[in-house]
């Protein structure tokens, strides 16, 4: 056991999933089955898997947008249902795959979550400015609504809206799917410089390779791999995912 392994085992997990099942409303299909894992403060975890493997379902559970059929999830040693929902979601922030600004301008969308925390206007302005600079959001966007932004622009603003609150844990669902390479590089630099714990579902393996230190692999709702990045062979994973997708198509 390495010193780092000893440290991980001696501290309490920030997030714990204990034998989590999620089944469909009819109860005839598992969306997630027997998921057990610990997430430690400061980890950057990538979730991979084919479409329909359970990645988004898992992220929604962690943000309490849905509930497990069986098992328990703990955040800072406290069951999720025991947390006030607003308090939980301020600390466990979810950036969904389809970004929405809810009719607000970019400026309003970036400031709103900080206003909910009753921060002084000066602090709000400073936080917004900091993350705009880190992610490369120009001033010209600030008066735009989501109807005036591209999908990639909305995606970047949604990421900034989460980051300005500086949550303890940020859940990202395909956060860079519509971004160009230069913008992705800025996102990687900004996120790796932060202290947030990150859980990222993505099909962009190069992005995960550059930002994550651990990979979870879901297949048909089951966790089939939980390994540090140093043990990940992307060539084998890509080949296996392709084979799984072809098999699923036949089935």
C-alpha atoms as a PDB file:
ATOM      1  CA  UNK A   1       0.000   0.000   0.000  1.00  0.00           C
ATOM      2  CA  UNK A   2       1.366   3.422  -0.946  1.00  0.00           C
ATOM      3  CA  UNK A   3       1.305   6.426   1.441  1.00  0.00           C
ATOM      4  CA  UNK A   4      -1.420   7.975  -0.715  1.00  0.00           C
ATOM      5  CA  UNK A   5      -3.523   4.820  -0.334  1.00  0.00           C
ATOM      6  CA  UNK A   6      -3.076   4.932   3.436  1.00  0.00           C
ATOM      7  CA  UNK A   7      -4.162   8.569   3.514  1.00  0.00           C
ATOM      8  CA  UNK A   8      -7.303   7.828   1.470  1.00  0.00           C
ATOM      9  CA  UNK A   9      -8.284   4.991   3.786  1.00  0.00           C
ATOM     10  CA  UNK A  10      -7.665   7.007   6.962  1.00  0.00           C
ATOM     11  CA  UNK A  11      -9.961   9.918   6.059  1.00  0.00           C
ATOM     12  CA  UNK A  12     -13.713   9.945   5.728  1.00  0.00           C
ATOM     13  CA  UNK A  13     -15.207   9.941   2.218  1.00  0.00           C
ATOM     14  CA  UNK A  14     -16.906  13.146   1.148  1.00  0.00           C
ATOM     15  CA  UNK A  15     -19.557  11.106  -0.678  1.00  0.00           C
ATOM     16  CA  UNK A  16     -20.567   7.467  -0.182  1.00  0.00           C
ATOM     17  CA  UNK A  17     -22.838   5.290  -2.302  1.00  0.00           C
ATOM     18  CA  UNK A  18     -23.907   2.132  -0.523  1.00  0.00           C
ATOM     19  CA  UNK A  19     -25.404  -0.667  -2.662  1.00  0.00           C
ATOM     20  CA  UNK A  20     -27.488   1.670  -4.809  1.00  0.00           C
ATOM     21  CA  UNK A  21     -30.231   0.274  -7.064  1.00  0.00           C
ATOM     22  CA  UNK A  22     -32.493   2.248  -9.373  1.00  0.00           C
ATOM     23  CA  UNK A  23     -35.262   0.438 -11.229  1.00  0.00           C
ATOM     24  CA  UNK A  24     -37.835   1.684 -13.720  1.00  0.00           C
ATOM     25  CA  UNK A  25     -41.304   2.654 -12.508  1.00  0.00           C
ATOM     26  CA  UNK A  26     -42.658  -0.700 -13.668  1.00  0.00           C
ATOM     27  CA  UNK A  27     -39.863  -2.404 -11.759  1.00  0.00           C
ATOM     28  CA  UNK A  28     -38.822  -4.538 -14.706  1.00  0.00           C
ATOM     29  CA  UNK A  29     -35.431  -3.021 -15.513  1.00  0.00           C
ATOM     30  CA  UNK A  30     -32.405  -1.880 -13.540  1.00  0.00           C
ATOM     31  CA  UNK A  31     -31.096   1.586 -14.454  1.00  0.00           C
ATOM     32  CA  UNK A  32     -28.390   1.181 -11.801  1.00  0.00           C
ATOM     33  CA  UNK A  33     -27.601  -1.997  -9.902  1.00  0.00           C
ATOM     34  CA  UNK A  34     -25.576  -2.506  -6.716  1.00  0.00           C
ATOM     35  CA  UNK A  35     -23.446   0.634  -7.089  1.00  0.00           C
ATOM     36  CA  UNK A  36     -21.020   1.041  -4.190  1.00  0.00           C
ATOM     37  CA  UNK A  37     -18.206   3.592  -4.139  1.00  0.00           C
ATOM     38  CA  UNK A  38     -16.559   6.325  -2.098  1.00  0.00           C
ATOM     39  CA  UNK A  39     -15.576   9.783  -3.342  1.00  0.00           C
ATOM     40  CA  UNK A  40     -12.901  11.690  -1.458  1.00  0.00           C
ATOM     41  CA  UNK A  41     -12.485  15.451  -1.205  1.00  0.00           C
ATOM     42  CA  UNK A  42     -10.559  16.912  -4.126  1.00  0.00           C
ATOM     43  CA  UNK A  43     -10.850  13.870  -6.390  1.00  0.00           C
ATOM     44  CA  UNK A  44     -11.586  14.378 -10.075  1.00  0.00           C
ATOM     45  CA  UNK A  45     -13.577  11.371 -11.253  1.00  0.00           C
ATOM     46  CA  UNK A  46     -14.640  10.563 -14.796  1.00  0.00           C
ATOM     47  CA  UNK A  47     -17.637   8.363 -15.619  1.00  0.00           C
ATOM     48  CA  UNK A  48     -17.625   6.528 -18.941  1.00  0.00           C
ATOM     49  CA  UNK A  49     -20.041   4.148 -20.603  1.00  0.00           C
ATOM     50  CA  UNK A  50     -22.263   3.796 -23.634  1.00  0.00           C
ATOM     51  CA  UNK A  51     -25.454   5.824 -23.968  1.00  0.00           C
ATOM     52  CA  UNK A  52     -28.034   4.411 -21.566  1.00  0.00           C
ATOM     53  CA  UNK A  53     -25.437   2.906 -19.234  1.00  0.00           C
ATOM     54  CA  UNK A  54     -26.629   4.959 -16.242  1.00  0.00           C
ATOM     55  CA  UNK A  55     -24.242   7.935 -16.189  1.00  0.00           C
ATOM     56  CA  UNK A  56     -26.890  10.671 -16.083  1.00  0.00           C
ATOM     57  CA  UNK A  57     -29.058   8.634 -13.699  1.00  0.00           C
ATOM     58  CA  UNK A  58     -26.138   8.465 -11.282  1.00  0.00           C
ATOM     59  CA  UNK A  59     -25.488  12.223 -11.418  1.00  0.00           C
ATOM     60  CA  UNK A  60     -29.168  13.001 -10.852  1.00  0.00           C
ATOM     61  CA  UNK A  61     -29.166  10.777  -7.762  1.00  0.00           C
ATOM     62  CA  UNK A  62     -26.261  12.693  -6.278  1.00  0.00           C
ATOM     63  CA  UNK A  63     -28.092  16.011  -6.726  1.00  0.00           C
ATOM     64  CA  UNK A  64     -31.382  14.563  -5.364  1.00  0.00           C
ATOM     65  CA  UNK A  65     -33.227  15.114  -8.615  1.00  0.00           C
ATOM     66  CA  UNK A  66     -34.175  11.462  -8.243  1.00  0.00           C
ATOM     67  CA  UNK A  67     -33.977   8.893  -5.471  1.00  0.00           C
ATOM     68  CA  UNK A  68     -32.583   5.356  -5.332  1.00  0.00           C
ATOM     69  CA  UNK A  69     -34.926   2.381  -5.200  1.00  0.00           C
ATOM     70  CA  UNK A  70     -32.591   0.719  -2.701  1.00  0.00           C
ATOM     71  CA  UNK A  71     -29.404   1.618  -0.872  1.00  0.00           C
ATOM     72  CA  UNK A  72     -28.177   4.835   0.688  1.00  0.00           C
ATOM     73  CA  UNK A  73     -26.136   7.873  -0.357  1.00  0.00           C
ATOM     74  CA  UNK A  74     -24.216   9.885   2.243  1.00  0.00           C
ATOM     75  CA  UNK A  75     -22.732  13.360   1.800  1.00  0.00           C
ATOM     76  CA  UNK A  76     -20.287  14.292   4.554  1.00  0.00           C
ATOM     77  CA  UNK A  77     -21.536  11.282   6.564  1.00  0.00           C
ATOM     78  CA  UNK A  78     -25.154  12.481   6.430  1.00  0.00           C
ATOM     79  CA  UNK A  79     -27.853  10.755   4.314  1.00  0.00           C
ATOM     80  CA  UNK A  80     -28.936  12.891   1.372  1.00  0.00           C
ATOM     81  CA  UNK A  81     -32.630  13.010   2.433  1.00  0.00           C
ATOM     82  CA  UNK A  82     -31.533  14.578   5.748  1.00  0.00           C
ATOM     83  CA  UNK A  83     -30.045  17.582   3.946  1.00  0.00           C
ATOM     84  CA  UNK A  84     -32.271  20.592   3.145  1.00  0.00           C
ATOM     85  CA  UNK A  85     -32.537  20.457  -0.641  1.00  0.00           C
ATOM     86  CA  UNK A  86     -31.341  24.019  -1.287  1.00  0.00           C
ATOM     87  CA  UNK A  87     -28.347  23.621   1.010  1.00  0.00           C
ATOM     88  CA  UNK A  88     -27.425  20.302  -0.585  1.00  0.00           C
ATOM     89  CA  UNK A  89     -27.629  21.637  -4.134  1.00  0.00           C
ATOM     90  CA  UNK A  90     -25.511  24.653  -3.249  1.00  0.00           C
ATOM     91  CA  UNK A  91     -22.768  22.251  -2.163  1.00  0.00           C
ATOM     92  CA  UNK A  92     -23.382  19.502  -4.744  1.00  0.00           C
ATOM     93  CA  UNK A  93     -23.891  21.477  -7.952  1.00  0.00           C
ATOM     94  CA  UNK A  94     -25.124  19.736 -11.118  1.00  0.00           C
ATOM     95  CA  UNK A  95     -24.440  21.068 -14.619  1.00  0.00           C
ATOM     96  CA  UNK A  96     -26.873  19.159 -16.888  1.00  0.00           C
ATOM     97  CA  UNK A  97     -26.152  18.028 -20.429  1.00  0.00           C
ATOM     98  CA  UNK A  98     -28.739  20.423 -21.883  1.00  0.00           C
ATOM     99  CA  UNK A  99     -27.865  23.873 -20.501  1.00  0.00           C
ATOM    100  CA  UNK A 100     -30.651  26.376 -19.833  1.00  0.00           C
ATOM    101  CA  UNK A 101     -30.512  29.956 -18.553  1.00  0.00           C
ATOM    102  CA  UNK A 102     -34.218  30.015 -17.558  1.00  0.00           C
ATOM    103  CA  UNK A 103     -34.999  33.204 -19.473  1.00  0.00           C
ATOM    104  CA  UNK A 104     -32.185  35.182 -17.854  1.00  0.00           C
ATOM    105  CA  UNK A 105     -29.395  37.127 -19.491  1.00  0.00           C
ATOM    106  CA  UNK A 106     -25.879  35.766 -19.050  1.00  0.00           C
ATOM    107  CA  UNK A 107     -25.143  38.415 -16.393  1.00  0.00           C
ATOM    108  CA  UNK A 108     -28.301  37.536 -14.466  1.00  0.00           C
ATOM    109  CA  UNK A 109     -27.658  33.788 -14.738  1.00  0.00           C
ATOM    110  CA  UNK A 110     -24.132  34.124 -13.363  1.00  0.00           C
ATOM    111  CA  UNK A 111     -25.154  36.354 -10.473  1.00  0.00           C
ATOM    112  CA  UNK A 112     -28.380  34.596  -9.470  1.00  0.00           C
ATOM    113  CA  UNK A 113     -26.957  31.611  -7.529  1.00  0.00           C
ATOM    114  CA  UNK A 114     -24.751  33.990  -5.532  1.00  0.00           C
ATOM    115  CA  UNK A 115     -27.724  36.230  -4.781  1.00  0.00           C
ATOM    116  CA  UNK A 116     -29.466  33.171  -3.326  1.00  0.00           C
ATOM    117  CA  UNK A 117     -26.524  32.911  -0.919  1.00  0.00           C
ATOM    118  CA  UNK A 118     -27.046  36.560   0.115  1.00  0.00           C
ATOM    119  CA  UNK A 119     -23.510  37.558  -0.827  1.00  0.00           C
ATOM    120  CA  UNK A 120     -22.694  41.273  -1.002  1.00  0.00           C
ATOM    121  CA  UNK A 121     -22.901  42.815  -4.481  1.00  0.00           C
ATOM    122  CA  UNK A 122     -19.151  43.455  -4.491  1.00  0.00           C
ATOM    123  CA  UNK A 123     -18.395  39.793  -3.798  1.00  0.00           C
ATOM    124  CA  UNK A 124     -20.844  38.704  -6.487  1.00  0.00           C
ATOM    125  CA  UNK A 125     -19.232  40.977  -9.051  1.00  0.00           C
ATOM    126  CA  UNK A 126     -15.763  39.712  -8.094  1.00  0.00           C
ATOM    127  CA  UNK A 127     -16.723  36.026  -8.342  1.00  0.00           C
ATOM    128  CA  UNK A 128     -18.464  36.519 -11.686  1.00  0.00           C
ATOM    129  CA  UNK A 129     -15.486  38.426 -13.075  1.00  0.00           C
ATOM    130  CA  UNK A 130     -13.030  35.780 -11.867  1.00  0.00           C
ATOM    131  CA  UNK A 131     -14.814  32.867 -13.512  1.00  0.00           C
ATOM    132  CA  UNK A 132     -15.608  34.822 -16.672  1.00  0.00           C
ATOM    133  CA  UNK A 133     -11.883  35.409 -17.093  1.00  0.00           C
ATOM    134  CA  UNK A 134     -10.928  31.820 -16.281  1.00  0.00           C
ATOM    135  CA  UNK A 135     -13.411  30.380 -18.791  1.00  0.00           C
ATOM    136  CA  UNK A 136     -13.083  33.086 -21.422  1.00  0.00           C
ATOM    137  CA  UNK A 137     -16.636  34.460 -21.348  1.00  0.00           C
ATOM    138  CA  UNK A 138     -16.528  37.881 -23.061  1.00  0.00           C
ATOM    139  CA  UNK A 139     -18.328  40.957 -21.807  1.00  0.00           C
ATOM    140  CA  UNK A 140     -20.296  41.063 -25.062  1.00  0.00           C
ATOM    141  CA  UNK A 141     -22.253  37.976 -23.964  1.00  0.00           C
ATOM    142  CA  UNK A 142     -23.508  39.474 -20.702  1.00  0.00           C
ATOM    143  CA  UNK A 143     -26.694  41.019 -22.096  1.00  0.00           C
ATOM    144  CA  UNK A 144     -27.519  37.986 -24.263  1.00  0.00           C
ATOM    145  CA  UNK A 145     -30.250  35.460 -23.483  1.00  0.00           C
ATOM    146  CA  UNK A 146     -30.024  31.758 -24.252  1.00  0.00           C
ATOM    147  CA  UNK A 147     -31.897  32.323 -27.530  1.00  0.00           C
ATOM    148  CA  UNK A 148     -28.984  34.471 -28.689  1.00  0.00           C
ATOM    149  CA  UNK A 149     -26.284  31.984 -27.725  1.00  0.00           C
ATOM    150  CA  UNK A 150     -25.057  28.839 -29.443  1.00  0.00           C
ATOM    151  CA  UNK A 151     -25.229  25.489 -27.666  1.00  0.00           C
ATOM    152  CA  UNK A 152     -21.519  25.692 -26.891  1.00  0.00           C
ATOM    153  CA  UNK A 153     -21.858  29.211 -25.499  1.00  0.00           C
ATOM    154  CA  UNK A 154     -24.764  28.157 -23.277  1.00  0.00           C
ATOM    155  CA  UNK A 155     -22.714  25.177 -22.135  1.00  0.00           C
ATOM    156  CA  UNK A 156     -19.833  27.428 -21.088  1.00  0.00           C
ATOM    157  CA  UNK A 157     -22.138  29.863 -19.276  1.00  0.00           C
ATOM    158  CA  UNK A 158     -23.826  26.995 -17.416  1.00  0.00           C
ATOM    159  CA  UNK A 159     -20.430  25.733 -16.296  1.00  0.00           C
ATOM    160  CA  UNK A 160     -19.474  29.227 -15.113  1.00  0.00           C
ATOM    161  CA  UNK A 161     -22.815  29.567 -13.281  1.00  0.00           C
ATOM    162  CA  UNK A 162     -21.945  26.455 -11.264  1.00  0.00           C
ATOM    163  CA  UNK A 163     -18.329  27.407 -10.680  1.00  0.00           C
ATOM    164  CA  UNK A 164     -19.043  30.912  -9.338  1.00  0.00           C
ATOM    165  CA  UNK A 165     -20.705  29.323  -6.311  1.00  0.00           C
ATOM    166  CA  UNK A 166     -17.515  27.321  -5.691  1.00  0.00           C
ATOM    167  CA  UNK A 167     -19.414  24.239  -4.498  1.00  0.00           C
ATOM    168  CA  UNK A 168     -17.706  21.483  -2.572  1.00  0.00           C
ATOM    169  CA  UNK A 169     -18.576  18.986  -5.309  1.00  0.00           C
ATOM    170  CA  UNK A 170     -19.454  19.704  -8.947  1.00  0.00           C
ATOM    171  CA  UNK A 171     -21.349  17.168 -11.067  1.00  0.00           C
ATOM    172  CA  UNK A 172     -20.828  17.654 -14.808  1.00  0.00           C
ATOM    173  CA  UNK A 173     -22.854  15.848 -17.479  1.00  0.00           C
ATOM    174  CA  UNK A 174     -21.088  16.018 -20.885  1.00  0.00           C
ATOM    175  CA  UNK A 175     -19.775  19.519 -20.045  1.00  0.00           C
ATOM    176  CA  UNK A 176     -17.607  19.966 -23.154  1.00  0.00           C
ATOM    177  CA  UNK A 177     -19.601  18.152 -25.854  1.00  0.00           C
ATOM    178  CA  UNK A 178     -20.261  21.362 -27.843  1.00  0.00           C
ATOM    179  CA  UNK A 179     -17.012  23.216 -27.092  1.00  0.00           C
ATOM    180  CA  UNK A 180     -14.078  23.799 -29.437  1.00  0.00           C
ATOM    181  CA  UNK A 181     -10.575  22.522 -28.481  1.00  0.00           C
ATOM    182  CA  UNK A 182      -9.306  25.926 -27.344  1.00  0.00           C
ATOM    183  CA  UNK A 183     -12.254  26.418 -25.007  1.00  0.00           C
ATOM    184  CA  UNK A 184     -11.874  22.874 -23.660  1.00  0.00           C
ATOM    185  CA  UNK A 185      -8.257  23.679 -22.799  1.00  0.00           C
ATOM    186  CA  UNK A 186      -9.421  26.705 -20.786  1.00  0.00           C
ATOM    187  CA  UNK A 187     -12.028  24.569 -19.002  1.00  0.00           C
ATOM    188  CA  UNK A 188      -9.383  21.993 -18.085  1.00  0.00           C
ATOM    189  CA  UNK A 189      -7.045  24.675 -16.750  1.00  0.00           C
ATOM    190  CA  UNK A 190      -9.810  26.345 -14.727  1.00  0.00           C
ATOM    191  CA  UNK A 191     -11.185  23.151 -13.217  1.00  0.00           C
ATOM    192  CA  UNK A 192      -7.831  21.612 -12.341  1.00  0.00           C
ATOM    193  CA  UNK A 193      -6.827  24.845 -10.582  1.00  0.00           C
ATOM    194  CA  UNK A 194      -9.957  24.751  -8.392  1.00  0.00           C
ATOM    195  CA  UNK A 195     -10.375  22.873  -5.126  1.00  0.00           C
ATOM    196  CA  UNK A 196     -13.770  21.410  -6.081  1.00  0.00           C
ATOM    197  CA  UNK A 197     -14.306  17.677  -6.123  1.00  0.00           C
ATOM    198  CA  UNK A 198     -15.409  16.805  -9.665  1.00  0.00           C
ATOM    199  CA  UNK A 199     -17.560  13.957 -10.981  1.00  0.00           C
ATOM    200  CA  UNK A 200     -17.725  14.171 -14.779  1.00  0.00           C
ATOM    201  CA  UNK A 201     -19.750  12.017 -17.190  1.00  0.00           C
ATOM    202  CA  UNK A 202     -18.333  12.332 -20.690  1.00  0.00           C
ATOM    203  CA  UNK A 203     -17.759  10.562 -23.999  1.00  0.00           C
ATOM    204  CA  UNK A 204     -14.714  12.779 -24.617  1.00  0.00           C
ATOM    205  CA  UNK A 205     -11.983  10.480 -23.371  1.00  0.00           C
ATOM    206  CA  UNK A 206      -9.106  12.861 -24.101  1.00  0.00           C
ATOM    207  CA  UNK A 207     -10.787  15.480 -21.903  1.00  0.00           C
ATOM    208  CA  UNK A 208     -11.182  12.961 -19.074  1.00  0.00           C
ATOM    209  CA  UNK A 209      -7.595  11.794 -19.536  1.00  0.00           C
ATOM    210  CA  UNK A 210      -6.322  15.335 -19.012  1.00  0.00           C
ATOM    211  CA  UNK A 211      -8.464  16.286 -16.033  1.00  0.00           C
ATOM    212  CA  UNK A 212      -9.341  13.150 -14.040  1.00  0.00           C
ATOM    213  CA  UNK A 213      -7.376  11.030 -11.609  1.00  0.00           C
ATOM    214  CA  UNK A 214      -9.908   8.167 -11.456  1.00  0.00           C
ATOM    215  CA  UNK A 215     -12.326   6.513 -13.872  1.00  0.00           C
ATOM    216  CA  UNK A 216     -15.649   4.751 -13.273  1.00  0.00           C
ATOM    217  CA  UNK A 217     -17.037   2.603 -16.081  1.00  0.00           C
ATOM    218  CA  UNK A 218     -20.757   1.849 -16.163  1.00  0.00           C
ATOM    219  CA  UNK A 219     -22.262  -0.852 -18.384  1.00  0.00           C
ATOM    220  CA  UNK A 220     -26.004  -1.532 -18.368  1.00  0.00           C
ATOM    221  CA  UNK A 221     -26.303   0.055 -14.937  1.00  0.00           C
ATOM    222  CA  UNK A 222     -23.453  -1.888 -13.343  1.00  0.00           C
ATOM    223  CA  UNK A 223     -20.091  -0.503 -12.233  1.00  0.00           C
ATOM    224  CA  UNK A 224     -17.604  -2.726 -14.058  1.00  0.00           C
ATOM    225  CA  UNK A 225     -14.458  -0.689 -13.425  1.00  0.00           C
ATOM    226  CA  UNK A 226     -13.271   1.714 -10.732  1.00  0.00           C
ATOM    227  CA  UNK A 227      -9.593   2.462 -11.273  1.00  0.00           C
ATOM    228  CA  UNK A 228      -6.995   5.237 -10.994  1.00  0.00           C
ATOM    229  CA  UNK A 229      -6.079   6.964 -14.237  1.00  0.00           C
ATOM    230  CA  UNK A 230      -2.623   5.388 -14.131  1.00  0.00           C
ATOM    231  CA  UNK A 231      -4.235   1.984 -14.752  1.00  0.00           C
ATOM    232  CA  UNK A 232      -6.495   3.066 -17.615  1.00  0.00           C
ATOM    233  CA  UNK A 233      -5.783   1.707 -21.096  1.00  0.00           C
ATOM    234  CA  UNK A 234      -7.909   3.890 -23.356  1.00  0.00           C
ATOM    235  CA  UNK A 235      -7.297   1.773 -26.451  1.00  0.00           C
ATOM    236  CA  UNK A 236      -8.739  -1.308 -24.757  1.00  0.00           C
ATOM    237  CA  UNK A 237     -11.646   0.675 -23.303  1.00  0.00           C
ATOM    238  CA  UNK A 238     -12.576   2.194 -26.665  1.00  0.00           C
ATOM    239  CA  UNK A 239     -12.461  -1.237 -28.316  1.00  0.00           C
ATOM    240  CA  UNK A 240     -14.610  -2.775 -25.587  1.00  0.00           C
ATOM    241  CA  UNK A 241     -17.135   0.073 -25.693  1.00  0.00           C
ATOM    242  CA  UNK A 242     -17.434  -0.337 -29.455  1.00  0.00           C
ATOM    243  CA  UNK A 243     -18.018  -4.073 -29.051  1.00  0.00           C
ATOM    244  CA  UNK A 244     -20.616  -3.468 -26.321  1.00  0.00           C
ATOM    245  CA  UNK A 245     -22.468  -0.940 -28.483  1.00  0.00           C
ATOM    246  CA  UNK A 246     -22.580  -3.369 -31.391  1.00  0.00           C
ATOM    247  CA  UNK A 247     -23.882  -6.146 -29.126  1.00  0.00           C
ATOM    248  CA  UNK A 248     -26.536  -3.829 -27.647  1.00  0.00           C
ATOM    249  CA  UNK A 249     -27.661  -2.918 -31.184  1.00  0.00           C
ATOM    250  CA  UNK A 250     -28.162  -6.595 -32.019  1.00  0.00           C
ATOM    251  CA  UNK A 251     -30.038  -7.203 -28.782  1.00  0.00           C
END
